Amino acid sequence: MKLAGEERFAKTTIPLLLEQLRSAPVNQLPMYAELAAPVAKGGAVKDVTEILSLRLQDLPTAAKVKRVEKVLKQLAEG
């Protein structure tokens, strides 16, 4: 995930990061979301937000929902 934060690697790594968020098991999604938020920049913020918003309904526990909602709030604040 840290490589996605590096400008020279972003073009290659951001699509991989987005795919990871799309396909992550629900029990790991909050952790991946928390790791992805700091490196999401520009257009990636919109994509990460859309993916997390769609996957929010799949989360099995209130704690996991709360963690992802916190990440969504961080992304919205910029």
N, C-alpha and C. Protein backbone atom coordinates (compact mmCIF):
# COMPACT_ATOMS: atom_id res chain seq x y z
N MET A 1 0.82 -1.19 0.00
CA MET A 1 0.00 0.00 0.00
C MET A 1 0.86 1.25 0.00
N LYS A 2 2.02 1.18 0.64
CA LYS A 2 2.87 2.35 0.71
C LYS A 2 3.38 2.77 -0.67
N LEU A 3 3.57 1.82 -1.55
CA LEU A 3 4.03 2.15 -2.90
C LEU A 3 3.00 3.00 -3.65
N ALA A 4 1.74 2.78 -3.35
CA ALA A 4 0.69 3.55 -4.02
C ALA A 4 0.79 5.04 -3.67
N GLY A 5 1.38 5.34 -2.53
CA GLY A 5 1.55 6.72 -2.12
C GLY A 5 2.69 7.42 -2.83
N GLU A 6 3.57 6.66 -3.45
CA GLU A 6 4.69 7.22 -4.20
C GLU A 6 4.21 7.58 -5.61
N GLU A 7 4.42 8.82 -5.99
CA GLU A 7 3.92 9.32 -7.27
C GLU A 7 4.39 8.47 -8.45
N ARG A 8 5.64 8.05 -8.43
CA ARG A 8 6.17 7.31 -9.59
C ARG A 8 5.58 5.91 -9.72
N PHE A 9 5.02 5.38 -8.65
CA PHE A 9 4.42 4.04 -8.70
C PHE A 9 2.89 4.07 -8.75
N ALA A 10 2.31 5.23 -8.53
CA ALA A 10 0.85 5.34 -8.40
C ALA A 10 0.10 4.82 -9.62
N LYS A 11 0.59 5.11 -10.81
CA LYS A 11 -0.12 4.69 -12.03
C LYS A 11 -0.29 3.17 -12.08
N THR A 12 0.69 2.46 -11.57
CA THR A 12 0.64 1.00 -11.58
C THR A 12 -0.07 0.44 -10.36
N THR A 13 0.15 1.06 -9.21
CA THR A 13 -0.33 0.47 -7.97
C THR A 13 -1.76 0.83 -7.59
N ILE A 14 -2.22 2.01 -7.97
CA ILE A 14 -3.59 2.41 -7.59
C ILE A 14 -4.64 1.45 -8.17
N PRO A 15 -4.57 1.04 -9.44
CA PRO A 15 -5.55 0.06 -9.92
C PRO A 15 -5.49 -1.26 -9.13
N LEU A 16 -4.31 -1.67 -8.71
CA LEU A 16 -4.19 -2.88 -7.90
C LEU A 16 -4.83 -2.68 -6.53
N LEU A 17 -4.63 -1.51 -5.97
CA LEU A 17 -5.23 -1.19 -4.68
C LEU A 17 -6.75 -1.20 -4.77
N LEU A 18 -7.28 -0.60 -5.82
CA LEU A 18 -8.73 -0.58 -6.01
C LEU A 18 -9.30 -1.99 -6.17
N GLU A 19 -8.60 -2.82 -6.91
CA GLU A 19 -9.04 -4.21 -7.08
C GLU A 19 -9.01 -4.96 -5.76
N GLN A 20 -8.00 -4.68 -4.96
CA GLN A 20 -7.90 -5.32 -3.64
C GLN A 20 -9.09 -4.93 -2.78
N LEU A 21 -9.49 -3.66 -2.82
CA LEU A 21 -10.65 -3.22 -2.05
C LEU A 21 -11.94 -3.86 -2.57
N ARG A 22 -12.03 -4.02 -3.87
CA ARG A 22 -13.24 -4.65 -4.45
C ARG A 22 -13.38 -6.11 -4.05
N SER A 23 -12.25 -6.81 -3.95
CA SER A 23 -12.31 -8.27 -3.76
C SER A 23 -11.92 -8.73 -2.36
N ALA A 24 -11.59 -7.82 -1.48
CA ALA A 24 -11.16 -8.21 -0.13
C ALA A 24 -12.29 -8.91 0.62
N PRO A 25 -11.95 -9.95 1.37
CA PRO A 25 -12.95 -10.58 2.22
C PRO A 25 -13.51 -9.54 3.21
N VAL A 26 -14.77 -9.68 3.56
CA VAL A 26 -15.41 -8.68 4.42
C VAL A 26 -14.73 -8.53 5.77
N ASN A 27 -14.12 -9.59 6.28
CA ASN A 27 -13.47 -9.47 7.57
C ASN A 27 -12.16 -8.68 7.50
N GLN A 28 -11.60 -8.51 6.29
CA GLN A 28 -10.35 -7.77 6.13
C GLN A 28 -10.56 -6.38 5.52
N LEU A 29 -11.73 -6.11 5.03
CA LEU A 29 -12.00 -4.85 4.35
C LEU A 29 -11.72 -3.62 5.22
N PRO A 30 -12.13 -3.58 6.49
CA PRO A 30 -11.83 -2.38 7.27
C PRO A 30 -10.33 -2.10 7.38
N MET A 31 -9.53 -3.12 7.55
CA MET A 31 -8.09 -2.93 7.64
C MET A 31 -7.54 -2.39 6.32
N TYR A 32 -7.96 -2.97 5.21
CA TYR A 32 -7.50 -2.51 3.91
C TYR A 32 -7.94 -1.07 3.65
N ALA A 33 -9.15 -0.73 4.07
CA ALA A 33 -9.65 0.63 3.90
C ALA A 33 -8.80 1.61 4.69
N GLU A 34 -8.47 1.25 5.92
CA GLU A 34 -7.64 2.12 6.76
C GLU A 34 -6.25 2.31 6.17
N LEU A 35 -5.71 1.28 5.55
CA LEU A 35 -4.39 1.38 4.94
C LEU A 35 -4.43 2.16 3.62
N ALA A 36 -5.54 2.05 2.91
CA ALA A 36 -5.65 2.70 1.60
C ALA A 36 -5.93 4.19 1.71
N ALA A 37 -6.62 4.61 2.74
CA ALA A 37 -7.02 6.02 2.86
C ALA A 37 -5.86 7.01 2.78
N PRO A 38 -4.76 6.78 3.48
CA PRO A 38 -3.67 7.77 3.43
C PRO A 38 -3.01 7.90 2.06
N VAL A 39 -3.05 6.88 1.24
CA VAL A 39 -2.38 6.94 -0.06
C VAL A 39 -3.31 7.31 -1.20
N ALA A 40 -4.61 7.36 -0.94
CA ALA A 40 -5.58 7.73 -1.98
C ALA A 40 -5.49 9.23 -2.23
N LYS A 41 -5.20 9.59 -3.48
CA LYS A 41 -5.08 10.99 -3.86
C LYS A 41 -5.80 11.22 -5.18
N GLY A 42 -6.24 12.43 -5.38
CA GLY A 42 -6.86 12.80 -6.65
C GLY A 42 -8.09 11.97 -6.97
N GLY A 43 -8.12 11.42 -8.17
CA GLY A 43 -9.24 10.61 -8.63
C GLY A 43 -9.40 9.32 -7.86
N ALA A 44 -8.33 8.86 -7.24
CA ALA A 44 -8.40 7.62 -6.47
C ALA A 44 -9.30 7.77 -5.25
N VAL A 45 -9.39 8.97 -4.70
CA VAL A 45 -10.26 9.20 -3.54
C VAL A 45 -11.70 8.88 -3.91
N LYS A 46 -12.13 9.35 -5.06
CA LYS A 46 -13.50 9.09 -5.52
C LYS A 46 -13.73 7.60 -5.70
N ASP A 47 -12.77 6.92 -6.33
CA ASP A 47 -12.91 5.48 -6.57
C ASP A 47 -12.94 4.69 -5.26
N VAL A 48 -12.05 5.03 -4.34
CA VAL A 48 -12.02 4.34 -3.05
C VAL A 48 -13.33 4.57 -2.30
N THR A 49 -13.81 5.80 -2.33
CA THR A 49 -15.07 6.14 -1.65
C THR A 49 -16.23 5.34 -2.24
N GLU A 50 -16.30 5.26 -3.55
CA GLU A 50 -17.38 4.50 -4.20
C GLU A 50 -17.33 3.03 -3.82
N ILE A 51 -16.14 2.45 -3.86
CA ILE A 51 -15.99 1.03 -3.55
C ILE A 51 -16.39 0.75 -2.10
N LEU A 52 -15.88 1.57 -1.18
CA LEU A 52 -16.19 1.35 0.23
C LEU A 52 -17.67 1.58 0.52
N SER A 53 -18.27 2.56 -0.13
CA SER A 53 -19.70 2.81 0.08
C SER A 53 -20.54 1.63 -0.38
N LEU A 54 -20.17 1.04 -1.50
CA LEU A 54 -20.90 -0.12 -2.01
C LEU A 54 -20.71 -1.34 -1.11
N ARG A 55 -19.52 -1.52 -0.59
CA ARG A 55 -19.23 -2.70 0.22
C ARG A 55 -19.69 -2.57 1.67
N LEU A 56 -20.06 -1.38 2.07
CA LEU A 56 -20.47 -1.11 3.45
C LEU A 56 -21.62 -2.02 3.89
N GLN A 57 -22.55 -2.26 3.00
CA GLN A 57 -23.72 -3.09 3.33
C GLN A 57 -23.36 -4.56 3.54
N ASP A 58 -22.19 -4.99 3.04
CA ASP A 58 -21.78 -6.39 3.16
C ASP A 58 -21.13 -6.71 4.51
N LEU A 59 -20.77 -5.68 5.26
CA LEU A 59 -20.03 -5.90 6.50
C LEU A 59 -20.94 -6.51 7.57
N PRO A 60 -20.44 -7.55 8.25
CA PRO A 60 -21.29 -8.31 9.15
C PRO A 60 -21.49 -7.71 10.54
N THR A 61 -20.59 -6.85 11.00
CA THR A 61 -20.72 -6.34 12.37
C THR A 61 -20.71 -4.82 12.39
N ALA A 62 -21.30 -4.27 13.44
CA ALA A 62 -21.36 -2.82 13.60
C ALA A 62 -19.97 -2.23 13.74
N ALA A 63 -19.06 -2.95 14.37
CA ALA A 63 -17.70 -2.45 14.56
C ALA A 63 -16.99 -2.27 13.22
N LYS A 64 -17.17 -3.22 12.32
CA LYS A 64 -16.55 -3.13 10.99
C LYS A 64 -17.16 -1.99 10.18
N VAL A 65 -18.46 -1.83 10.30
CA VAL A 65 -19.14 -0.73 9.62
C VAL A 65 -18.61 0.60 10.13
N LYS A 66 -18.45 0.71 11.43
CA LYS A 66 -17.97 1.95 12.03
C LYS A 66 -16.56 2.29 11.55
N ARG A 67 -15.70 1.28 11.44
CA ARG A 67 -14.33 1.51 10.97
C ARG A 67 -14.32 2.02 9.54
N VAL A 68 -15.13 1.42 8.68
CA VAL A 68 -15.17 1.85 7.28
C VAL A 68 -15.82 3.22 7.17
N GLU A 69 -16.84 3.50 7.96
CA GLU A 69 -17.46 4.82 7.94
C GLU A 69 -16.47 5.89 8.37
N LYS A 70 -15.61 5.56 9.31
CA LYS A 70 -14.57 6.50 9.75
C LYS A 70 -13.61 6.82 8.59
N VAL A 71 -13.25 5.80 7.83
CA VAL A 71 -12.38 6.01 6.67
C VAL A 71 -13.10 6.86 5.63
N LEU A 72 -14.36 6.59 5.38
CA LEU A 72 -15.13 7.39 4.42
C LEU A 72 -15.18 8.85 4.84
N LYS A 73 -15.31 9.09 6.14
CA LYS A 73 -15.34 10.46 6.65
C LYS A 73 -13.98 11.12 6.42
N GLN A 74 -12.89 10.39 6.65
CA GLN A 74 -11.55 10.94 6.43
C GLN A 74 -11.35 11.30 4.95
N LEU A 75 -11.82 10.43 4.07
CA LEU A 75 -11.68 10.69 2.63
C LEU A 75 -12.50 11.91 2.22
N ALA A 76 -13.67 12.07 2.79
CA ALA A 76 -14.53 13.20 2.45
C ALA A 76 -13.92 14.52 2.93
N GLU A 77 -13.24 14.48 4.06
CA GLU A 77 -12.62 15.70 4.59
C GLU A 77 -11.36 16.09 3.84
N GLY A 78 -10.77 15.09 3.17
CA GLY A 78 -9.58 15.36 2.36
C GLY A 78 -8.38 15.42 3.16
